[in-house]
Amino acid sequence: MTRILGIAGSLRRASFNAGLLRAAIDGAPDGVQITAGDIADVPLYDGDLEAAEGLPPSVQVLQEALAAADGLLLVSPEYNGSIPGVLKNALDWMSRGPGLGYFKGKPVAVIGASPGGFGTVLAQAHWTPVMRALGMQPWYEAKLMVSRAGGSFDADGNLTDDKVREQLQAFLAGFAASL
């Protein structure tokens, strides 16, 4: 069984990106298990907090999931032409303590959805230096950027567009085959 940790980079209840991750979990290829990591309880990074209390339990759970995974799927919105702070913050915390070693050499793919016309093209490009700094192995063989996402998701953030679902399944099959 190939195991992929998926992390959506939005905290919004009806997030397009959380919905895209749910669709990825539901549409994972045979022999592939995608598990959603939860970043909602990850505090803002604070070195004083880390020194006083160690890694927060929410971060430890994410680190354990990353260590057990064969690959990482970042489902990233694009905020103001770049990456979302909450997702970057979660990865910053995850890289602390033993966490940096869990990132080293880990295959990673990035997908995302946005209400804008360009999808998440800028955010995906901005993830490259972060992935490089963490020593990850980015998978660039395919792209998935859902533009004008309001037409592809319902009011609860569930993927309703069959064409996007097919593109997602093809993307996941390619990423999983590379692991």
C-alpha atoms as a PDB file:
ATOM      1  CA  MET A   1       0.000   0.000   0.000  1.00  0.00           C
ATOM      2  CA  THR A   2       1.351   3.392  -1.030  1.00  0.00           C
ATOM      3  CA  ARG A   3       0.658   6.024   1.628  1.00  0.00           C
ATOM      4  CA  ILE A   4       0.347   9.730   0.851  1.00  0.00           C
ATOM      5  CA  LEU A   5      -0.145  12.450   3.423  1.00  0.00           C
ATOM      6  CA  GLY A   6      -2.343  15.219   2.039  1.00  0.00           C
ATOM      7  CA  ILE A   7      -2.472  18.639   3.652  1.00  0.00           C
ATOM      8  CA  ALA A   8      -4.938  21.320   2.569  1.00  0.00           C
ATOM      9  CA  GLY A   9      -3.751  24.869   3.134  1.00  0.00           C
ATOM     10  CA  SER A  10      -7.006  26.576   4.023  1.00  0.00           C
ATOM     11  CA  LEU A  11      -8.936  26.724   7.280  1.00  0.00           C
ATOM     12  CA  ARG A  12     -12.210  27.889   5.695  1.00  0.00           C
ATOM     13  CA  ARG A  13     -15.115  25.500   6.336  1.00  0.00           C
ATOM     14  CA  ALA A  14     -16.129  25.266   2.659  1.00  0.00           C
ATOM     15  CA  SER A  15     -12.587  25.552   1.296  1.00  0.00           C
ATOM     16  CA  PHE A  16     -12.112  24.574  -2.342  1.00  0.00           C
ATOM     17  CA  ASN A  17      -8.733  23.115  -1.423  1.00  0.00           C
ATOM     18  CA  ALA A  18     -10.060  21.028   1.464  1.00  0.00           C
ATOM     19  CA  GLY A  19     -12.717  19.810  -0.976  1.00  0.00           C
ATOM     20  CA  LEU A  20     -10.036  18.993  -3.544  1.00  0.00           C
ATOM     21  CA  LEU A  21      -8.195  16.969  -0.880  1.00  0.00           C
ATOM     22  CA  ARG A  22     -11.406  15.105   0.023  1.00  0.00           C
ATOM     23  CA  ALA A  23     -11.899  14.312  -3.667  1.00  0.00           C
ATOM     24  CA  ALA A  24      -8.293  13.076  -3.830  1.00  0.00           C
ATOM     25  CA  ILE A  25      -8.902  10.785  -0.862  1.00  0.00           C
ATOM     26  CA  ASP A  26     -12.081   9.434  -2.456  1.00  0.00           C
ATOM     27  CA  GLY A  27     -10.476   9.069  -5.898  1.00  0.00           C
ATOM     28  CA  ALA A  28      -7.131   7.598  -4.891  1.00  0.00           C
ATOM     29  CA  PRO A  29      -5.935   4.860  -7.235  1.00  0.00           C
ATOM     30  CA  ASP A  30      -6.124   1.237  -6.133  1.00  0.00           C
ATOM     31  CA  GLY A  31      -3.321   0.440  -3.727  1.00  0.00           C
ATOM     32  CA  VAL A  32      -2.972   4.086  -2.660  1.00  0.00           C
ATOM     33  CA  GLN A  33      -4.174   5.513   0.627  1.00  0.00           C
ATOM     34  CA  ILE A  34      -4.325   9.293   1.023  1.00  0.00           C
ATOM     35  CA  THR A  35      -4.714  10.552   4.572  1.00  0.00           C
ATOM     36  CA  ALA A  36      -5.628  14.145   5.409  1.00  0.00           C
ATOM     37  CA  GLY A  37      -3.382  16.001   7.829  1.00  0.00           C
ATOM     38  CA  ASP A  38      -5.126  18.595   9.983  1.00  0.00           C
ATOM     39  CA  ILE A  39      -3.469  21.989  10.432  1.00  0.00           C
ATOM     40  CA  ALA A  40      -6.350  23.729  12.233  1.00  0.00           C
ATOM     41  CA  ASP A  41      -4.769  23.373  15.689  1.00  0.00           C
ATOM     42  CA  VAL A  42      -1.206  24.233  14.690  1.00  0.00           C
ATOM     43  CA  PRO A  43      -0.275  27.461  16.517  1.00  0.00           C
ATOM     44  CA  LEU A  44       1.715  30.242  14.913  1.00  0.00           C
ATOM     45  CA  TYR A  45       5.374  29.298  15.084  1.00  0.00           C
ATOM     46  CA  ASP A  46       7.028  30.728  18.190  1.00  0.00           C
ATOM     47  CA  GLY A  47      10.540  29.695  19.172  1.00  0.00           C
ATOM     48  CA  ASP A  48       9.829  30.662  22.783  1.00  0.00           C
ATOM     49  CA  LEU A  49       6.808  28.338  22.851  1.00  0.00           C
ATOM     50  CA  GLU A  50       8.882  25.556  21.344  1.00  0.00           C
ATOM     51  CA  ALA A  51      11.652  26.079  23.917  1.00  0.00           C
ATOM     52  CA  ALA A  52       9.205  26.151  26.831  1.00  0.00           C
ATOM     53  CA  GLU A  53       6.820  23.378  25.820  1.00  0.00           C
ATOM     54  CA  GLY A  54       8.398  21.465  22.940  1.00  0.00           C
ATOM     55  CA  LEU A  55       6.469  20.578  19.821  1.00  0.00           C
ATOM     56  CA  PRO A  56       2.693  21.007  20.082  1.00  0.00           C
ATOM     57  CA  PRO A  57       0.714  17.736  19.917  1.00  0.00           C
ATOM     58  CA  SER A  58      -0.884  18.801  16.603  1.00  0.00           C
ATOM     59  CA  VAL A  59       2.596  19.137  15.094  1.00  0.00           C
ATOM     60  CA  GLN A  60       3.744  15.799  16.479  1.00  0.00           C
ATOM     61  CA  VAL A  61       0.739  14.103  14.836  1.00  0.00           C
ATOM     62  CA  LEU A  62       1.632  15.700  11.492  1.00  0.00           C
ATOM     63  CA  GLN A  63       5.290  14.714  11.852  1.00  0.00           C
ATOM     64  CA  GLU A  64       4.337  11.093  12.563  1.00  0.00           C
ATOM     65  CA  ALA A  65       2.036  11.047   9.540  1.00  0.00           C
ATOM     66  CA  LEU A  66       4.775  12.510   7.338  1.00  0.00           C
ATOM     67  CA  ALA A  67       7.329   9.990   8.609  1.00  0.00           C
ATOM     68  CA  ALA A  68       4.954   7.121   7.764  1.00  0.00           C
ATOM     69  CA  ALA A  69       4.038   8.473   4.316  1.00  0.00           C
ATOM     70  CA  ASP A  70       5.653   7.557   1.013  1.00  0.00           C
ATOM     71  CA  GLY A  71       4.806  10.989  -0.379  1.00  0.00           C
ATOM     72  CA  LEU A  72       3.295  14.354   0.483  1.00  0.00           C
ATOM     73  CA  LEU A  73       0.469  16.081  -1.390  1.00  0.00           C
ATOM     74  CA  LEU A  74       0.160  19.810  -0.712  1.00  0.00           C
ATOM     75  CA  VAL A  75      -3.264  21.152  -1.679  1.00  0.00           C
ATOM     76  CA  SER A  76      -2.506  24.826  -1.710  1.00  0.00           C
ATOM     77  CA  PRO A  77      -4.656  27.874  -2.261  1.00  0.00           C
ATOM     78  CA  GLU A  78      -3.092  31.010  -3.646  1.00  0.00           C
ATOM     79  CA  TYR A  79      -3.291  34.070  -1.418  1.00  0.00           C
ATOM     80  CA  ASN A  80      -2.209  37.399  -2.890  1.00  0.00           C
ATOM     81  CA  GLY A  81      -0.148  35.703  -5.566  1.00  0.00           C
ATOM     82  CA  SER A  82       1.748  33.400  -3.202  1.00  0.00           C
ATOM     83  CA  ILE A  83       1.482  30.580  -0.678  1.00  0.00           C
ATOM     84  CA  PRO A  84      -0.949  30.597   2.253  1.00  0.00           C
ATOM     85  CA  GLY A  85       0.583  31.474   5.608  1.00  0.00           C
ATOM     86  CA  VAL A  86      -1.260  28.749   7.517  1.00  0.00           C
ATOM     87  CA  LEU A  87       0.190  25.989   5.347  1.00  0.00           C
ATOM     88  CA  LYS A  88       3.701  27.453   5.379  1.00  0.00           C
ATOM     89  CA  ASN A  89       3.444  27.827   9.165  1.00  0.00           C
ATOM     90  CA  ALA A  90       2.447  24.155   9.514  1.00  0.00           C
ATOM     91  CA  LEU A  91       5.433  23.040   7.439  1.00  0.00           C
ATOM     92  CA  ASP A  92       7.727  25.337   9.451  1.00  0.00           C
ATOM     93  CA  TRP A  93       6.566  23.676  12.669  1.00  0.00           C
ATOM     94  CA  MET A  94       6.779  20.205  11.104  1.00  0.00           C
ATOM     95  CA  SER A  95      10.422  20.812  10.212  1.00  0.00           C
ATOM     96  CA  ARG A  96      11.397  21.372  13.851  1.00  0.00           C
ATOM     97  CA  GLY A  97      12.928  18.747  16.138  1.00  0.00           C
ATOM     98  CA  PRO A  98      13.232  15.477  14.234  1.00  0.00           C
ATOM     99  CA  GLY A  99      10.865  16.746  11.540  1.00  0.00           C
ATOM    100  CA  LEU A 100      13.413  18.058   9.066  1.00  0.00           C
ATOM    101  CA  GLY A 101      14.640  14.512   8.573  1.00  0.00           C
ATOM    102  CA  TYR A 102      11.113  13.403   7.623  1.00  0.00           C
ATOM    103  CA  PHE A 103      11.081  15.889   4.745  1.00  0.00           C
ATOM    104  CA  LYS A 104      14.520  14.957   3.345  1.00  0.00           C
ATOM    105  CA  GLY A 105      14.094  13.072   0.077  1.00  0.00           C
ATOM    106  CA  LYS A 106      10.298  12.859   0.464  1.00  0.00           C
ATOM    107  CA  PRO A 107       8.455  13.044  -2.861  1.00  0.00           C
ATOM    108  CA  VAL A 108       5.987  15.944  -2.923  1.00  0.00           C
ATOM    109  CA  ALA A 109       3.347  17.148  -5.353  1.00  0.00           C
ATOM    110  CA  VAL A 110       1.359  20.386  -5.258  1.00  0.00           C
ATOM    111  CA  ILE A 111      -2.168  20.956  -6.520  1.00  0.00           C
ATOM    112  CA  GLY A 112      -4.649  23.706  -5.799  1.00  0.00           C
ATOM    113  CA  ALA A 113      -7.887  25.496  -6.544  1.00  0.00           C
ATOM    114  CA  SER A 114      -8.614  29.200  -6.759  1.00  0.00           C
ATOM    115  CA  PRO A 115     -11.541  31.402  -7.720  1.00  0.00           C
ATOM    116  CA  GLY A 116      -9.207  33.346 -10.015  1.00  0.00           C
ATOM    117  CA  GLY A 117      -8.596  32.737 -13.681  1.00  0.00           C
ATOM    118  CA  PHE A 118      -5.000  31.548 -13.315  1.00  0.00           C
ATOM    119  CA  GLY A 119      -5.674  28.852 -10.734  1.00  0.00           C
ATOM    120  CA  THR A 120      -2.794  28.489  -8.296  1.00  0.00           C
ATOM    121  CA  VAL A 121       0.053  28.897 -10.774  1.00  0.00           C
ATOM    122  CA  LEU A 122       1.929  31.476  -8.675  1.00  0.00           C
ATOM    123  CA  ALA A 123       1.499  29.632  -5.382  1.00  0.00           C
ATOM    124  CA  GLN A 124       2.722  26.406  -6.947  1.00  0.00           C
ATOM    125  CA  ALA A 125       5.810  28.182  -8.247  1.00  0.00           C
ATOM    126  CA  HIS A 126       6.416  29.775  -4.825  1.00  0.00           C
ATOM    127  CA  TRP A 127       6.388  26.362  -3.134  1.00  0.00           C
ATOM    128  CA  THR A 128       9.531  25.358  -5.067  1.00  0.00           C
ATOM    129  CA  PRO A 129      12.061  27.173  -2.831  1.00  0.00           C
ATOM    130  CA  VAL A 130      10.339  25.826   0.291  1.00  0.00           C
ATOM    131  CA  MET A 131      10.453  22.261  -1.024  1.00  0.00           C
ATOM    132  CA  ARG A 132      14.095  22.738  -1.973  1.00  0.00           C
ATOM    133  CA  ALA A 133      14.983  24.142   1.482  1.00  0.00           C
ATOM    134  CA  LEU A 134      13.358  21.125   3.133  1.00  0.00           C
ATOM    135  CA  GLY A 135      15.254  18.723   0.857  1.00  0.00           C
ATOM    136  CA  MET A 136      12.103  17.293  -0.693  1.00  0.00           C
ATOM    137  CA  GLN A 137      11.824  15.722  -4.138  1.00  0.00           C
ATOM    138  CA  PRO A 138       9.191  17.713  -6.073  1.00  0.00           C
ATOM    139  CA  TRP A 139       7.172  15.835  -8.668  1.00  0.00           C
ATOM    140  CA  TYR A 140       6.694  18.030 -11.732  1.00  0.00           C
ATOM    141  CA  GLU A 141       5.452  15.498 -14.288  1.00  0.00           C
ATOM    142  CA  ALA A 142       1.898  16.906 -14.283  1.00  0.00           C
ATOM    143  CA  LYS A 143       0.032  19.961 -13.065  1.00  0.00           C
ATOM    144  CA  LEU A 144      -3.378  20.484 -11.539  1.00  0.00           C
ATOM    145  CA  MET A 145      -4.548  24.035 -10.982  1.00  0.00           C
ATOM    146  CA  VAL A 146      -8.297  24.441 -10.745  1.00  0.00           C
ATOM    147  CA  SER A 147      -9.173  27.958 -11.902  1.00  0.00           C
ATOM    148  CA  ARG A 148     -12.559  29.607 -11.429  1.00  0.00           C
ATOM    149  CA  ALA A 149     -13.137  27.034  -8.704  1.00  0.00           C
ATOM    150  CA  GLY A 150     -16.532  28.459  -7.764  1.00  0.00           C
ATOM    151  CA  GLY A 151     -17.930  26.642 -10.784  1.00  0.00           C
ATOM    152  CA  SER A 152     -16.319  23.317  -9.842  1.00  0.00           C
ATOM    153  CA  PHE A 153     -17.356  23.088  -6.178  1.00  0.00           C
ATOM    154  CA  ASP A 154     -20.689  23.329  -4.375  1.00  0.00           C
ATOM    155  CA  ALA A 155     -21.484  25.662  -1.467  1.00  0.00           C
ATOM    156  CA  ASP A 156     -20.026  23.124   0.995  1.00  0.00           C
ATOM    157  CA  GLY A 157     -16.716  22.936  -0.853  1.00  0.00           C
ATOM    158  CA  ASN A 158     -17.336  19.547  -2.471  1.00  0.00           C
ATOM    159  CA  LEU A 159     -15.945  18.907  -5.944  1.00  0.00           C
ATOM    160  CA  THR A 160     -18.824  18.638  -8.428  1.00  0.00           C
ATOM    161  CA  ASP A 161     -16.963  18.945 -11.751  1.00  0.00           C
ATOM    162  CA  ASP A 162     -16.428  15.517 -13.343  1.00  0.00           C
ATOM    163  CA  LYS A 163     -13.758  16.835 -15.728  1.00  0.00           C
ATOM    164  CA  VAL A 164     -11.699  18.172 -12.800  1.00  0.00           C
ATOM    165  CA  ARG A 165     -12.287  14.866 -10.965  1.00  0.00           C
ATOM    166  CA  GLU A 166     -10.859  12.973 -13.965  1.00  0.00           C
ATOM    167  CA  GLN A 167      -7.857  15.324 -14.115  1.00  0.00           C
ATOM    168  CA  LEU A 168      -7.317  14.826 -10.370  1.00  0.00           C
ATOM    169  CA  GLN A 169      -7.430  11.049 -10.700  1.00  0.00           C
ATOM    170  CA  ALA A 170      -4.917  11.116 -13.572  1.00  0.00           C
ATOM    171  CA  PHE A 171      -2.640  13.404 -11.544  1.00  0.00           C
ATOM    172  CA  LEU A 172      -2.830  11.120  -8.511  1.00  0.00           C
ATOM    173  CA  ALA A 173      -2.157   8.013 -10.599  1.00  0.00           C
ATOM    174  CA  GLY A 174       0.967   9.640 -12.031  1.00  0.00           C
ATOM    175  CA  PHE A 175       2.228  10.834  -8.649  1.00  0.00           C
ATOM    176  CA  ALA A 176       1.544   7.481  -6.994  1.00  0.00           C
ATOM    177  CA  ALA A 177       3.320   5.623  -9.808  1.00  0.00           C
ATOM    178  CA  SER A 178       6.413   7.729  -9.190  1.00  0.00           C
ATOM    179  CA  LEU A 179       6.629   6.721  -5.519  1.00  0.00           C
END
